[in-house]
């Protein structure tokens, strides 16, 4: 009788354990780039609420932020990201190239080449714009200090470099572009390790006359430091900066979190996810949401990396690999 009682207790405990396991919280790690902290502070609770209402499951989201390329390499080197949310395709491509953490066709698994929103590069200048900075040509004038994060390790800096090259190339080809970019980086007093660090240099340390950054970062600066503390300048033309996302297959399959990680990313395209993007000054893909917020997104001509450089891979190989054009330009500064 004692034996039967013990057996029943063991079975009951096992059933209770399996029930607890079935409803246990799932934790996802989102490895992202520097200036997206504020967006995901708004997005994560919205997703968690919607997912809980739909499935009854609780999902905890952990965040990791830093320079985009440095973040990508952290995942390559073992940081167990369930999802990676970057500002440029090469920082997800590298997960496919090194260790096959994602498939080569990762951009085809979600709409819009897996980029739920976009941005562009604009200028933040001191209040009143004392240096009269209106367009790219003003950034290379003598006496103008330009704050840009390091293009070797940050998407923010890389997009700025490519935007600068692309707009100059339109007027005089690659020779003119190289000359322009060399003059631009001669005016850069310090290369920070991330976009948010560059913002700190410009706003808190009061270094520089102009900060080149993502359009959405300008809104974050306004929220933190006050709208009267700087002016925003839109150049005549800039680059289209897309923000791709992907599930990290090797991690989610090992952890058993593919369902939750996929839902987390798919919700970025939901009407609520797109609305949160627009509220954080990211240009949404949803045309209705974009139309509602049209007043906050000034018209600006943009070009893509593919149009100007052939492909992201070519841009990376030519400009940002060790010994590439950026190294040649910056080492001669």
C-alpha atoms as a PDB file:
ATOM      1  CA  UNK A   1       0.000   0.000   0.000  1.00  0.00           C
ATOM      2  CA  UNK A   2       2.833   2.345   0.852  1.00  0.00           C
ATOM      3  CA  UNK A   3       4.429   1.438  -2.472  1.00  0.00           C
ATOM      4  CA  UNK A   4       1.218   2.292  -4.369  1.00  0.00           C
ATOM      5  CA  UNK A   5       0.946   5.598  -2.510  1.00  0.00           C
ATOM      6  CA  UNK A   6       4.508   6.501  -3.363  1.00  0.00           C
ATOM      7  CA  UNK A   7       3.897   5.645  -7.012  1.00  0.00           C
ATOM      8  CA  UNK A   8       0.858   7.914  -7.109  1.00  0.00           C
ATOM      9  CA  UNK A   9       2.807  10.754  -5.542  1.00  0.00           C
ATOM     10  CA  UNK A  10       5.601  10.326  -8.079  1.00  0.00           C
ATOM     11  CA  UNK A  11       3.100  10.375 -10.951  1.00  0.00           C
ATOM     12  CA  UNK A  12       1.315  13.424  -9.511  1.00  0.00           C
ATOM     13  CA  UNK A  13       4.598  15.253  -9.095  1.00  0.00           C
ATOM     14  CA  UNK A  14       5.581  14.409 -12.667  1.00  0.00           C
ATOM     15  CA  UNK A  15       2.258  15.660 -14.000  1.00  0.00           C
ATOM     16  CA  UNK A  16       2.537  18.849 -11.964  1.00  0.00           C
ATOM     17  CA  UNK A  17       6.045  19.350 -13.243  1.00  0.00           C
ATOM     18  CA  UNK A  18       4.990  18.928 -16.855  1.00  0.00           C
ATOM     19  CA  UNK A  19       2.099  21.356 -16.310  1.00  0.00           C
ATOM     20  CA  UNK A  20       4.452  23.967 -14.884  1.00  0.00           C
ATOM     21  CA  UNK A  21       6.830  23.451 -17.780  1.00  0.00           C
ATOM     22  CA  UNK A  22       4.000  23.945 -20.261  1.00  0.00           C
ATOM     23  CA  UNK A  23       3.148  27.343 -18.863  1.00  0.00           C
ATOM     24  CA  UNK A  24       6.673  28.416 -17.992  1.00  0.00           C
ATOM     25  CA  UNK A  25       7.715  31.853 -19.174  1.00  0.00           C
ATOM     26  CA  UNK A  26       9.731  32.088 -22.362  1.00  0.00           C
ATOM     27  CA  UNK A  27      12.636  34.550 -22.440  1.00  0.00           C
ATOM     28  CA  UNK A  28      13.866  36.012 -25.717  1.00  0.00           C
ATOM     29  CA  UNK A  29      17.092  37.954 -26.211  1.00  0.00           C
ATOM     30  CA  UNK A  30      16.948  40.681 -28.854  1.00  0.00           C
ATOM     31  CA  UNK A  31      20.425  41.818 -29.915  1.00  0.00           C
ATOM     32  CA  UNK A  32      20.046  45.207 -31.534  1.00  0.00           C
ATOM     33  CA  UNK A  33      21.932  48.344 -32.478  1.00  0.00           C
ATOM     34  CA  UNK A  34      22.655  51.374 -30.393  1.00  0.00           C
ATOM     35  CA  UNK A  35      19.912  53.876 -31.213  1.00  0.00           C
ATOM     36  CA  UNK A  36      16.969  51.449 -31.017  1.00  0.00           C
ATOM     37  CA  UNK A  37      16.755  51.374 -27.235  1.00  0.00           C
ATOM     38  CA  UNK A  38      13.787  53.722 -27.128  1.00  0.00           C
ATOM     39  CA  UNK A  39      11.824  51.975 -29.860  1.00  0.00           C
ATOM     40  CA  UNK A  40      12.036  48.587 -28.160  1.00  0.00           C
ATOM     41  CA  UNK A  41      11.134  50.115 -24.791  1.00  0.00           C
ATOM     42  CA  UNK A  42       7.792  50.959 -26.410  1.00  0.00           C
ATOM     43  CA  UNK A  43       7.474  47.927 -28.669  1.00  0.00           C
ATOM     44  CA  UNK A  44       8.257  45.111 -26.243  1.00  0.00           C
ATOM     45  CA  UNK A  45       5.369  45.733 -23.805  1.00  0.00           C
ATOM     46  CA  UNK A  46       2.939  46.072 -26.727  1.00  0.00           C
ATOM     47  CA  UNK A  47       4.037  42.737 -28.173  1.00  0.00           C
ATOM     48  CA  UNK A  48       3.964  41.018 -24.782  1.00  0.00           C
ATOM     49  CA  UNK A  49       0.396  42.212 -24.130  1.00  0.00           C
ATOM     50  CA  UNK A  50      -0.839  41.183 -27.600  1.00  0.00           C
ATOM     51  CA  UNK A  51       0.872  37.785 -27.452  1.00  0.00           C
ATOM     52  CA  UNK A  52      -0.468  37.090 -23.954  1.00  0.00           C
ATOM     53  CA  UNK A  53      -3.996  37.970 -25.068  1.00  0.00           C
ATOM     54  CA  UNK A  54      -3.739  35.693 -28.109  1.00  0.00           C
ATOM     55  CA  UNK A  55      -1.966  32.678 -26.600  1.00  0.00           C
ATOM     56  CA  UNK A  56      -2.120  33.006 -22.821  1.00  0.00           C
ATOM     57  CA  UNK A  57       1.677  32.773 -22.749  1.00  0.00           C
ATOM     58  CA  UNK A  58       4.042  35.217 -21.074  1.00  0.00           C
ATOM     59  CA  UNK A  59       7.159  36.200 -22.993  1.00  0.00           C
ATOM     60  CA  UNK A  60      10.003  38.078 -21.311  1.00  0.00           C
ATOM     61  CA  UNK A  61      12.188  40.190 -23.583  1.00  0.00           C
ATOM     62  CA  UNK A  62      15.810  40.969 -22.802  1.00  0.00           C
ATOM     63  CA  UNK A  63      17.691  43.594 -24.824  1.00  0.00           C
ATOM     64  CA  UNK A  64      21.329  44.050 -25.810  1.00  0.00           C
ATOM     65  CA  UNK A  65      22.424  47.257 -27.548  1.00  0.00           C
ATOM     66  CA  UNK A  66      25.687  48.556 -28.981  1.00  0.00           C
ATOM     67  CA  UNK A  67      27.481  49.332 -32.233  1.00  0.00           C
ATOM     68  CA  UNK A  68      25.746  47.219 -34.868  1.00  0.00           C
ATOM     69  CA  UNK A  69      28.745  45.348 -36.283  1.00  0.00           C
ATOM     70  CA  UNK A  70      30.126  44.729 -32.805  1.00  0.00           C
ATOM     71  CA  UNK A  71      26.741  43.342 -31.764  1.00  0.00           C
ATOM     72  CA  UNK A  72      26.620  41.044 -34.779  1.00  0.00           C
ATOM     73  CA  UNK A  73      30.074  39.702 -33.997  1.00  0.00           C
ATOM     74  CA  UNK A  74      28.996  39.048 -30.412  1.00  0.00           C
ATOM     75  CA  UNK A  75      26.273  36.767 -31.757  1.00  0.00           C
ATOM     76  CA  UNK A  76      28.739  35.065 -34.103  1.00  0.00           C
ATOM     77  CA  UNK A  77      31.006  34.512 -31.111  1.00  0.00           C
ATOM     78  CA  UNK A  78      28.325  32.899 -28.984  1.00  0.00           C
ATOM     79  CA  UNK A  79      25.907  35.495 -27.570  1.00  0.00           C
ATOM     80  CA  UNK A  80      22.648  33.501 -27.597  1.00  0.00           C
ATOM     81  CA  UNK A  81      20.345  35.924 -29.405  1.00  0.00           C
ATOM     82  CA  UNK A  82      16.911  34.582 -30.300  1.00  0.00           C
ATOM     83  CA  UNK A  83      16.470  37.494 -32.704  1.00  0.00           C
ATOM     84  CA  UNK A  84      18.833  40.028 -34.202  1.00  0.00           C
ATOM     85  CA  UNK A  85      17.511  43.462 -35.230  1.00  0.00           C
ATOM     86  CA  UNK A  86      20.103  45.467 -37.125  1.00  0.00           C
ATOM     87  CA  UNK A  87      20.300  48.584 -39.303  1.00  0.00           C
ATOM     88  CA  UNK A  88      22.026  46.973 -42.282  1.00  0.00           C
ATOM     89  CA  UNK A  89      21.962  43.636 -44.048  1.00  0.00           C
ATOM     90  CA  UNK A  90      25.708  42.817 -43.704  1.00  0.00           C
ATOM     91  CA  UNK A  91      25.346  42.516 -39.942  1.00  0.00           C
ATOM     92  CA  UNK A  92      22.916  39.639 -40.452  1.00  0.00           C
ATOM     93  CA  UNK A  93      24.671  38.218 -43.511  1.00  0.00           C
ATOM     94  CA  UNK A  94      27.709  37.625 -41.331  1.00  0.00           C
ATOM     95  CA  UNK A  95      25.650  35.236 -39.187  1.00  0.00           C
ATOM     96  CA  UNK A  96      25.035  33.163 -42.322  1.00  0.00           C
ATOM     97  CA  UNK A  97      28.649  33.350 -43.447  1.00  0.00           C
ATOM     98  CA  UNK A  98      30.189  32.445 -40.093  1.00  0.00           C
ATOM     99  CA  UNK A  99      28.641  29.459 -38.387  1.00  0.00           C
ATOM    100  CA  UNK A 100      25.411  29.274 -40.426  1.00  0.00           C
ATOM    101  CA  UNK A 101      23.419  30.805 -37.580  1.00  0.00           C
ATOM    102  CA  UNK A 102      20.804  31.935 -40.121  1.00  0.00           C
ATOM    103  CA  UNK A 103      20.135  30.685 -43.669  1.00  0.00           C
ATOM    104  CA  UNK A 104      21.507  32.543 -46.686  1.00  0.00           C
ATOM    105  CA  UNK A 105      17.971  33.509 -47.729  1.00  0.00           C
ATOM    106  CA  UNK A 106      17.018  35.073 -44.384  1.00  0.00           C
ATOM    107  CA  UNK A 107      15.757  38.256 -46.099  1.00  0.00           C
ATOM    108  CA  UNK A 108      13.058  36.298 -47.934  1.00  0.00           C
ATOM    109  CA  UNK A 109      11.351  35.011 -44.799  1.00  0.00           C
ATOM    110  CA  UNK A 110       9.627  38.281 -43.896  1.00  0.00           C
ATOM    111  CA  UNK A 111       8.073  41.112 -45.962  1.00  0.00           C
ATOM    112  CA  UNK A 112      10.032  44.053 -47.383  1.00  0.00           C
ATOM    113  CA  UNK A 113      13.318  42.120 -47.476  1.00  0.00           C
ATOM    114  CA  UNK A 114      12.859  41.565 -43.728  1.00  0.00           C
ATOM    115  CA  UNK A 115      13.083  45.325 -42.986  1.00  0.00           C
ATOM    116  CA  UNK A 116       9.901  46.553 -41.228  1.00  0.00           C
ATOM    117  CA  UNK A 117      10.817  50.254 -41.399  1.00  0.00           C
ATOM    118  CA  UNK A 118      13.484  52.625 -42.670  1.00  0.00           C
ATOM    119  CA  UNK A 119      15.263  55.851 -41.831  1.00  0.00           C
ATOM    120  CA  UNK A 120      17.779  58.205 -43.431  1.00  0.00           C
ATOM    121  CA  UNK A 121      20.785  60.273 -42.383  1.00  0.00           C
ATOM    122  CA  UNK A 122      20.208  63.882 -41.346  1.00  0.00           C
ATOM    123  CA  UNK A 123      22.138  66.633 -39.512  1.00  0.00           C
ATOM    124  CA  UNK A 124      21.775  67.910 -35.952  1.00  0.00           C
ATOM    125  CA  UNK A 125      23.344  71.347 -35.509  1.00  0.00           C
ATOM    126  CA  UNK A 126      23.734  73.788 -32.652  1.00  0.00           C
ATOM    127  CA  UNK A 127      20.709  75.967 -31.865  1.00  0.00           C
ATOM    128  CA  UNK A 128      20.417  78.751 -34.426  1.00  0.00           C
ATOM    129  CA  UNK A 129      22.770  76.891 -36.791  1.00  0.00           C
ATOM    130  CA  UNK A 130      25.699  79.273 -36.214  1.00  0.00           C
ATOM    131  CA  UNK A 131      27.879  77.581 -38.842  1.00  0.00           C
ATOM    132  CA  UNK A 132      25.057  77.877 -41.433  1.00  0.00           C
ATOM    133  CA  UNK A 133      25.087  74.192 -42.292  1.00  0.00           C
ATOM    134  CA  UNK A 134      22.530  73.507 -45.046  1.00  0.00           C
ATOM    135  CA  UNK A 135      23.839  70.553 -47.045  1.00  0.00           C
ATOM    136  CA  UNK A 136      26.688  68.080 -47.421  1.00  0.00           C
ATOM    137  CA  UNK A 137      29.122  70.616 -48.886  1.00  0.00           C
ATOM    138  CA  UNK A 138      28.976  72.624 -45.661  1.00  0.00           C
ATOM    139  CA  UNK A 139      30.387  69.690 -43.677  1.00  0.00           C
ATOM    140  CA  UNK A 140      33.795  69.918 -45.354  1.00  0.00           C
ATOM    141  CA  UNK A 141      34.326  73.633 -44.814  1.00  0.00           C
ATOM    142  CA  UNK A 142      37.362  74.649 -42.722  1.00  0.00           C
ATOM    143  CA  UNK A 143      36.557  75.021 -39.048  1.00  0.00           C
ATOM    144  CA  UNK A 144      33.483  72.759 -39.068  1.00  0.00           C
ATOM    145  CA  UNK A 145      33.675  69.801 -36.681  1.00  0.00           C
ATOM    146  CA  UNK A 146      31.531  66.804 -37.628  1.00  0.00           C
ATOM    147  CA  UNK A 147      30.602  64.044 -35.155  1.00  0.00           C
ATOM    148  CA  UNK A 148      30.303  60.608 -36.791  1.00  0.00           C
ATOM    149  CA  UNK A 149      30.689  57.181 -35.152  1.00  0.00           C
ATOM    150  CA  UNK A 150      33.268  54.743 -36.481  1.00  0.00           C
ATOM    151  CA  UNK A 151      32.213  53.311 -39.896  1.00  0.00           C
ATOM    152  CA  UNK A 152      34.308  50.205 -39.289  1.00  0.00           C
ATOM    153  CA  UNK A 153      32.112  49.006 -36.430  1.00  0.00           C
ATOM    154  CA  UNK A 154      28.808  50.931 -36.526  1.00  0.00           C
ATOM    155  CA  UNK A 155      25.931  51.004 -38.955  1.00  0.00           C
ATOM    156  CA  UNK A 156      25.335  54.655 -38.099  1.00  0.00           C
ATOM    157  CA  UNK A 157      28.858  55.605 -39.181  1.00  0.00           C
ATOM    158  CA  UNK A 158      28.735  53.293 -42.187  1.00  0.00           C
ATOM    159  CA  UNK A 159      25.502  54.783 -43.493  1.00  0.00           C
ATOM    160  CA  UNK A 160      26.939  58.275 -43.005  1.00  0.00           C
ATOM    161  CA  UNK A 161      30.072  57.355 -44.950  1.00  0.00           C
ATOM    162  CA  UNK A 162      28.044  55.795 -47.775  1.00  0.00           C
ATOM    163  CA  UNK A 163      25.599  58.710 -47.844  1.00  0.00           C
ATOM    164  CA  UNK A 164      28.496  61.155 -48.082  1.00  0.00           C
ATOM    165  CA  UNK A 165      30.168  59.140 -50.842  1.00  0.00           C
ATOM    166  CA  UNK A 166      26.932  58.623 -52.764  1.00  0.00           C
ATOM    167  CA  UNK A 167      25.858  62.245 -52.829  1.00  0.00           C
ATOM    168  CA  UNK A 168      29.336  63.359 -53.957  1.00  0.00           C
ATOM    169  CA  UNK A 169      29.510  60.649 -56.598  1.00  0.00           C
ATOM    170  CA  UNK A 170      26.358  62.039 -58.218  1.00  0.00           C
ATOM    171  CA  UNK A 171      28.280  65.211 -59.097  1.00  0.00           C
ATOM    172  CA  UNK A 172      31.742  63.950 -60.017  1.00  0.00           C
ATOM    173  CA  UNK A 173      32.085  60.180 -59.916  1.00  0.00           C
ATOM    174  CA  UNK A 174      34.147  58.073 -57.523  1.00  0.00           C
ATOM    175  CA  UNK A 175      37.199  60.362 -57.657  1.00  0.00           C
ATOM    176  CA  UNK A 176      35.144  63.319 -56.436  1.00  0.00           C
ATOM    177  CA  UNK A 177      33.491  61.113 -53.841  1.00  0.00           C
ATOM    178  CA  UNK A 178      36.813  59.911 -52.445  1.00  0.00           C
ATOM    179  CA  UNK A 179      38.086  63.478 -52.217  1.00  0.00           C
ATOM    180  CA  UNK A 180      34.905  64.622 -50.481  1.00  0.00           C
ATOM    181  CA  UNK A 181      34.912  61.800 -47.923  1.00  0.00           C
ATOM    182  CA  UNK A 182      38.588  62.399 -47.163  1.00  0.00           C
ATOM    183  CA  UNK A 183      37.827  66.066 -46.423  1.00  0.00           C
ATOM    184  CA  UNK A 184      34.801  65.081 -44.347  1.00  0.00           C
ATOM    185  CA  UNK A 185      36.708  62.747 -42.037  1.00  0.00           C
ATOM    186  CA  UNK A 186      39.483  65.304 -41.698  1.00  0.00           C
ATOM    187  CA  UNK A 187      36.795  67.361 -39.898  1.00  0.00           C
ATOM    188  CA  UNK A 188      35.850  64.510 -37.524  1.00  0.00           C
ATOM    189  CA  UNK A 189      37.431  65.093 -34.075  1.00  0.00           C
ATOM    190  CA  UNK A 190      36.646  61.638 -32.625  1.00  0.00           C
ATOM    191  CA  UNK A 191      35.241  58.315 -33.865  1.00  0.00           C
ATOM    192  CA  UNK A 192      32.829  56.960 -31.271  1.00  0.00           C
ATOM    193  CA  UNK A 193      31.980  53.265 -30.949  1.00  0.00           C
ATOM    194  CA  UNK A 194      28.233  53.671 -31.489  1.00  0.00           C
ATOM    195  CA  UNK A 195      25.496  56.053 -32.546  1.00  0.00           C
ATOM    196  CA  UNK A 196      24.337  56.772 -29.005  1.00  0.00           C
ATOM    197  CA  UNK A 197      27.945  57.429 -27.941  1.00  0.00           C
ATOM    198  CA  UNK A 198      28.225  59.954 -30.789  1.00  0.00           C
ATOM    199  CA  UNK A 199      25.048  61.635 -29.548  1.00  0.00           C
ATOM    200  CA  UNK A 200      26.578  61.871 -26.063  1.00  0.00           C
ATOM    201  CA  UNK A 201      29.726  63.424 -27.545  1.00  0.00           C
ATOM    202  CA  UNK A 202      27.678  66.049 -29.366  1.00  0.00           C
ATOM    203  CA  UNK A 203      24.993  66.826 -26.779  1.00  0.00           C
ATOM    204  CA  UNK A 204      26.638  66.251 -23.404  1.00  0.00           C
ATOM    205  CA  UNK A 205      30.311  66.796 -24.129  1.00  0.00           C
ATOM    206  CA  UNK A 206      29.419  69.658 -26.494  1.00  0.00           C
ATOM    207  CA  UNK A 207      31.975  68.537 -29.070  1.00  0.00           C
ATOM    208  CA  UNK A 208      31.366  69.355 -32.716  1.00  0.00           C
ATOM    209  CA  UNK A 209      29.218  71.672 -34.813  1.00  0.00           C
ATOM    210  CA  UNK A 210      27.104  68.983 -36.448  1.00  0.00           C
ATOM    211  CA  UNK A 211      26.097  65.410 -35.658  1.00  0.00           C
ATOM    212  CA  UNK A 212      25.206  63.194 -38.615  1.00  0.00           C
ATOM    213  CA  UNK A 213      22.765  60.545 -37.446  1.00  0.00           C
ATOM    214  CA  UNK A 214      19.594  58.636 -38.204  1.00  0.00           C
ATOM    215  CA  UNK A 215      16.397  60.644 -38.586  1.00  0.00           C
ATOM    216  CA  UNK A 216      14.788  58.731 -35.717  1.00  0.00           C
ATOM    217  CA  UNK A 217      17.717  59.485 -33.404  1.00  0.00           C
ATOM    218  CA  UNK A 218      16.938  63.195 -33.729  1.00  0.00           C
ATOM    219  CA  UNK A 219      13.584  62.584 -32.050  1.00  0.00           C
ATOM    220  CA  UNK A 220      15.212  60.598 -29.255  1.00  0.00           C
ATOM    221  CA  UNK A 221      17.663  63.458 -28.670  1.00  0.00           C
ATOM    222  CA  UNK A 222      14.754  65.896 -28.539  1.00  0.00           C
ATOM    223  CA  UNK A 223      12.978  63.809 -25.919  1.00  0.00           C
ATOM    224  CA  UNK A 224      16.068  63.505 -23.754  1.00  0.00           C
ATOM    225  CA  UNK A 225      17.635  66.958 -24.099  1.00  0.00           C
ATOM    226  CA  UNK A 226      14.706  69.178 -25.099  1.00  0.00           C
ATOM    227  CA  UNK A 227      13.506  70.333 -28.488  1.00  0.00           C
ATOM    228  CA  UNK A 228      15.043  73.767 -28.113  1.00  0.00           C
ATOM    229  CA  UNK A 229      18.586  72.488 -27.612  1.00  0.00           C
ATOM    230  CA  UNK A 230      19.477  71.936 -31.281  1.00  0.00           C
ATOM    231  CA  UNK A 231      18.194  72.347 -34.844  1.00  0.00           C
ATOM    232  CA  UNK A 232      17.577  69.631 -37.437  1.00  0.00           C
ATOM    233  CA  UNK A 233      18.768  70.059 -41.030  1.00  0.00           C
ATOM    234  CA  UNK A 234      17.663  67.825 -43.897  1.00  0.00           C
ATOM    235  CA  UNK A 235      20.176  67.622 -46.751  1.00  0.00           C
ATOM    236  CA  UNK A 236      18.867  67.677 -50.311  1.00  0.00           C
ATOM    237  CA  UNK A 237      19.660  63.996 -50.782  1.00  0.00           C
ATOM    238  CA  UNK A 238      20.646  61.159 -48.456  1.00  0.00           C
ATOM    239  CA  UNK A 239      20.719  57.391 -48.217  1.00  0.00           C
ATOM    240  CA  UNK A 240      17.862  54.995 -47.536  1.00  0.00           C
ATOM    241  CA  UNK A 241      18.700  53.237 -44.271  1.00  0.00           C
ATOM    242  CA  UNK A 242      16.739  50.008 -43.869  1.00  0.00           C
ATOM    243  CA  UNK A 243      16.577  48.055 -40.613  1.00  0.00           C
ATOM    244  CA  UNK A 244      16.451  44.279 -41.245  1.00  0.00           C
ATOM    245  CA  UNK A 245      15.560  41.641 -38.662  1.00  0.00           C
ATOM    246  CA  UNK A 246      15.928  37.882 -38.367  1.00  0.00           C
ATOM    247  CA  UNK A 247      15.357  34.950 -36.089  1.00  0.00           C
ATOM    248  CA  UNK A 248      18.695  33.359 -35.152  1.00  0.00           C
ATOM    249  CA  UNK A 249      17.871  29.802 -36.207  1.00  0.00           C
ATOM    250  CA  UNK A 250      20.580  27.885 -34.372  1.00  0.00           C
ATOM    251  CA  UNK A 251      19.678  29.571 -31.084  1.00  0.00           C
ATOM    252  CA  UNK A 252      15.884  29.259 -31.266  1.00  0.00           C
ATOM    253  CA  UNK A 253      16.067  25.639 -32.363  1.00  0.00           C
ATOM    254  CA  UNK A 254      18.345  24.816 -29.452  1.00  0.00           C
ATOM    255  CA  UNK A 255      16.192  26.724 -26.941  1.00  0.00           C
ATOM    256  CA  UNK A 256      12.837  25.763 -28.446  1.00  0.00           C
ATOM    257  CA  UNK A 257      11.792  29.409 -28.882  1.00  0.00           C
ATOM    258  CA  UNK A 258      11.236  29.596 -32.649  1.00  0.00           C
ATOM    259  CA  UNK A 259       7.464  30.119 -32.337  1.00  0.00           C
ATOM    260  CA  UNK A 260       7.792  33.020 -29.920  1.00  0.00           C
ATOM    261  CA  UNK A 261      10.765  34.606 -31.705  1.00  0.00           C
ATOM    262  CA  UNK A 262       8.976  34.475 -35.052  1.00  0.00           C
ATOM    263  CA  UNK A 263       5.846  36.019 -33.571  1.00  0.00           C
ATOM    264  CA  UNK A 264       7.958  38.752 -31.972  1.00  0.00           C
ATOM    265  CA  UNK A 265       9.375  39.787 -35.339  1.00  0.00           C
ATOM    266  CA  UNK A 266       6.141  39.376 -37.312  1.00  0.00           C
ATOM    267  CA  UNK A 267       4.410  41.780 -34.913  1.00  0.00           C
ATOM    268  CA  UNK A 268       6.714  44.524 -36.194  1.00  0.00           C
ATOM    269  CA  UNK A 269       4.534  44.583 -39.343  1.00  0.00           C
ATOM    270  CA  UNK A 270       1.259  44.688 -37.425  1.00  0.00           C
ATOM    271  CA  UNK A 271      -0.681  47.984 -37.424  1.00  0.00           C
ATOM    272  CA  UNK A 272       0.316  48.536 -33.787  1.00  0.00           C
ATOM    273  CA  UNK A 273       3.961  47.715 -34.446  1.00  0.00           C
ATOM    274  CA  UNK A 274       4.007  50.104 -37.412  1.00  0.00           C
ATOM    275  CA  UNK A 275       2.326  52.814 -35.334  1.00  0.00           C
ATOM    276  CA  UNK A 276       4.976  52.464 -32.619  1.00  0.00           C
ATOM    277  CA  UNK A 277       7.638  52.751 -35.320  1.00  0.00           C
ATOM    278  CA  UNK A 278       6.111  55.977 -36.613  1.00  0.00           C
ATOM    279  CA  UNK A 279       5.837  57.387 -33.091  1.00  0.00           C
ATOM    280  CA  UNK A 280       9.571  56.760 -32.760  1.00  0.00           C
ATOM    281  CA  UNK A 281      10.227  58.543 -36.085  1.00  0.00           C
ATOM    282  CA  UNK A 282      10.997  55.386 -38.010  1.00  0.00           C
ATOM    283  CA  UNK A 283       9.382  55.447 -41.447  1.00  0.00           C
ATOM    284  CA  UNK A 284       6.796  52.638 -41.442  1.00  0.00           C
ATOM    285  CA  UNK A 285       6.136  50.325 -44.391  1.00  0.00           C
ATOM    286  CA  UNK A 286       2.374  50.465 -43.826  1.00  0.00           C
ATOM    287  CA  UNK A 287       1.115  53.187 -46.187  1.00  0.00           C
ATOM    288  CA  UNK A 288      -1.873  54.090 -44.023  1.00  0.00           C
ATOM    289  CA  UNK A 289       0.289  54.528 -40.931  1.00  0.00           C
ATOM    290  CA  UNK A 290       2.827  56.538 -42.922  1.00  0.00           C
ATOM    291  CA  UNK A 291       0.067  58.794 -44.268  1.00  0.00           C
ATOM    292  CA  UNK A 292      -1.175  59.527 -40.740  1.00  0.00           C
ATOM    293  CA  UNK A 293       2.324  60.685 -39.764  1.00  0.00           C
ATOM    294  CA  UNK A 294       3.300  62.387 -43.025  1.00  0.00           C
ATOM    295  CA  UNK A 295       3.865  65.746 -41.321  1.00  0.00           C
ATOM    296  CA  UNK A 296       6.760  64.408 -39.248  1.00  0.00           C
ATOM    297  CA  UNK A 297       8.617  62.896 -42.218  1.00  0.00           C
ATOM    298  CA  UNK A 298       9.837  65.686 -44.540  1.00  0.00           C
ATOM    299  CA  UNK A 299      10.258  64.722 -48.159  1.00  0.00           C
ATOM    300  CA  UNK A 300      13.851  63.862 -48.999  1.00  0.00           C
ATOM    301  CA  UNK A 301      15.399  62.216 -52.039  1.00  0.00           C
ATOM    302  CA  UNK A 302      17.149  58.985 -51.134  1.00  0.00           C
ATOM    303  CA  UNK A 303      19.326  56.464 -52.908  1.00  0.00           C
ATOM    304  CA  UNK A 304      20.020  52.863 -51.921  1.00  0.00           C
ATOM    305  CA  UNK A 305      23.293  51.087 -51.281  1.00  0.00           C
ATOM    306  CA  UNK A 306      22.531  48.775 -54.197  1.00  0.00           C
ATOM    307  CA  UNK A 307      21.964  51.666 -56.630  1.00  0.00           C
ATOM    308  CA  UNK A 308      25.194  53.449 -55.764  1.00  0.00           C
ATOM    309  CA  UNK A 309      27.597  50.673 -54.757  1.00  0.00           C
ATOM    310  CA  UNK A 310      26.252  47.624 -56.580  1.00  0.00           C
ATOM    311  CA  UNK A 311      25.522  45.633 -53.421  1.00  0.00           C
ATOM    312  CA  UNK A 312      26.147  45.682 -49.699  1.00  0.00           C
ATOM    313  CA  UNK A 313      28.824  43.034 -50.170  1.00  0.00           C
ATOM    314  CA  UNK A 314      30.702  45.173 -52.677  1.00  0.00           C
ATOM    315  CA  UNK A 315      30.406  48.231 -50.442  1.00  0.00           C
ATOM    316  CA  UNK A 316      31.778  46.272 -47.491  1.00  0.00           C
ATOM    317  CA  UNK A 317      34.625  44.711 -49.482  1.00  0.00           C
ATOM    318  CA  UNK A 318      35.744  47.950 -51.123  1.00  0.00           C
ATOM    319  CA  UNK A 319      35.254  50.440 -48.313  1.00  0.00           C
ATOM    320  CA  UNK A 320      35.235  48.797 -44.884  1.00  0.00           C
ATOM    321  CA  UNK A 321      37.445  45.725 -44.918  1.00  0.00           C
ATOM    322  CA  UNK A 322      40.877  46.106 -43.339  1.00  0.00           C
ATOM    323  CA  UNK A 323      43.006  48.091 -45.779  1.00  0.00           C
ATOM    324  CA  UNK A 324      39.928  49.267 -47.689  1.00  0.00           C
ATOM    325  CA  UNK A 325      39.114  52.781 -48.839  1.00  0.00           C
ATOM    326  CA  UNK A 326      38.066  54.007 -45.394  1.00  0.00           C
ATOM    327  CA  UNK A 327      41.319  52.827 -43.827  1.00  0.00           C
ATOM    328  CA  UNK A 328      43.284  54.474 -46.642  1.00  0.00           C
ATOM    329  CA  UNK A 329      41.431  57.751 -46.199  1.00  0.00           C
ATOM    330  CA  UNK A 330      41.454  57.842 -42.409  1.00  0.00           C
ATOM    331  CA  UNK A 331      45.057  56.719 -41.948  1.00  0.00           C
ATOM    332  CA  UNK A 332      46.195  59.700 -44.012  1.00  0.00           C
ATOM    333  CA  UNK A 333      44.218  62.133 -41.852  1.00  0.00           C
END
